[in-house]
C-alpha cells in the first residue's frame, strides 16, 4: 500500500505549535482576551481556539490576519 506523503498525522506540527505559542504570547502582551481577538478577526471564540490549537488545520491567510492583528508578520520558508 502506497503512503500519502501529504496526509496529516495526529501529531501537531512543530511549526504550528510555535506559531500558536507566539500568537498567544503576543495576545497576552497586548492584554487581548480570546473573546476580543475573535471579535477583531470577525470570527467566533471557538474558531479562535481552533486557530490556537496546534493539531488543527488553519489557512495561511487566517494565520496572517491573526499575526497582523497583534503587530506581527507571518514568515514561511522552504528548506
Protein backbone atom coordinates (compact mmCIF):
# COMPACT_ATOMS: atom_id res chain seq x y z
CA UNK A 1 0.00 0.00 0.00
CA UNK A 2 1.45 3.36 -1.02
CA UNK A 3 1.64 6.02 1.66
CA UNK A 4 0.41 9.53 1.07
CA UNK A 5 3.29 11.83 1.96
CA UNK A 6 0.88 14.77 2.27
CA UNK A 7 -1.52 13.08 4.66
CA UNK A 8 -1.64 14.75 8.04
CA UNK A 9 -0.98 12.71 11.12
CA UNK A 10 -2.40 13.11 14.59
CA UNK A 11 0.67 14.86 15.94
CA UNK A 12 0.95 18.62 15.98
CA UNK A 13 3.30 20.21 13.50
CA UNK A 14 6.20 21.75 15.45
CA UNK A 15 5.97 24.93 13.39
CA UNK A 16 2.27 25.29 14.14
CA UNK A 17 3.00 24.82 17.85
CA UNK A 18 5.48 27.69 17.70
CA UNK A 19 3.10 29.94 15.77
CA UNK A 20 0.23 29.21 18.17
CA UNK A 21 2.50 29.91 21.15
CA UNK A 22 3.77 33.16 19.62
CA UNK A 23 0.23 34.35 18.88
CA UNK A 24 -0.83 33.54 22.43
CA UNK A 25 2.19 35.40 23.84
CA UNK A 26 1.51 38.44 21.65
CA UNK A 27 -2.13 38.44 22.77
CA UNK A 28 -1.03 38.35 26.42
CA UNK A 29 1.49 41.16 25.88
CA UNK A 30 -1.31 43.32 24.48
CA UNK A 31 -3.85 42.18 27.11
CA UNK A 32 -6.08 40.77 24.36
CA UNK A 33 -8.57 38.20 25.55
CA UNK A 34 -9.57 35.36 23.26
CA UNK A 35 -13.04 36.90 23.03
CA UNK A 36 -11.62 40.27 21.94
CA UNK A 37 -9.18 38.67 19.49
CA UNK A 38 -12.01 36.61 17.96
CA UNK A 39 -14.06 39.78 17.53
CA UNK A 40 -11.13 41.52 15.85
CA UNK A 41 -10.80 38.54 13.48
CA UNK A 42 -14.56 38.70 12.89
CA UNK A 43 -14.92 35.08 13.94
CA UNK A 44 -16.15 33.04 16.87
CA UNK A 45 -14.25 32.25 20.04
CA UNK A 46 -14.38 28.54 19.14
CA UNK A 47 -12.79 29.30 15.75
CA UNK A 48 -10.01 31.22 17.52
CA UNK A 49 -9.49 28.21 19.79
CA UNK A 50 -9.02 26.08 16.67
CA UNK A 51 -6.56 28.64 15.30
CA UNK A 52 -4.51 28.37 18.50
CA UNK A 53 -4.73 24.56 18.57
CA UNK A 54 -1.53 23.15 17.05
CA UNK A 55 -3.34 19.98 15.95
CA UNK A 56 -5.99 21.73 13.86
CA UNK A 57 -5.66 22.83 10.25
CA UNK A 58 -5.99 26.52 9.51
CA UNK A 59 -5.32 28.52 6.38
CA UNK A 60 -2.26 30.66 5.91
CA UNK A 61 -4.46 33.69 5.30
CA UNK A 62 -6.08 33.20 8.72
CA UNK A 63 -2.67 32.95 10.38
CA UNK A 64 -1.54 36.08 8.51
CA UNK A 65 -4.62 38.03 9.66
CA UNK A 66 -4.13 36.94 13.27
CA UNK A 67 -0.44 37.83 13.17
CA UNK A 68 -1.20 41.27 11.72
CA UNK A 69 -3.72 41.98 14.47
CA UNK A 70 -1.04 41.51 17.11
CA UNK A 71 1.52 43.52 15.14
CA UNK A 72 3.44 40.56 13.78
CA UNK A 73 4.13 39.19 10.31
CA UNK A 74 3.86 35.53 9.32
CA UNK A 75 7.03 34.32 7.59
CA UNK A 76 7.27 30.91 5.94
CA UNK A 77 10.29 29.43 4.22
CA UNK A 78 11.04 26.16 2.49
CA UNK A 79 14.29 24.49 3.40
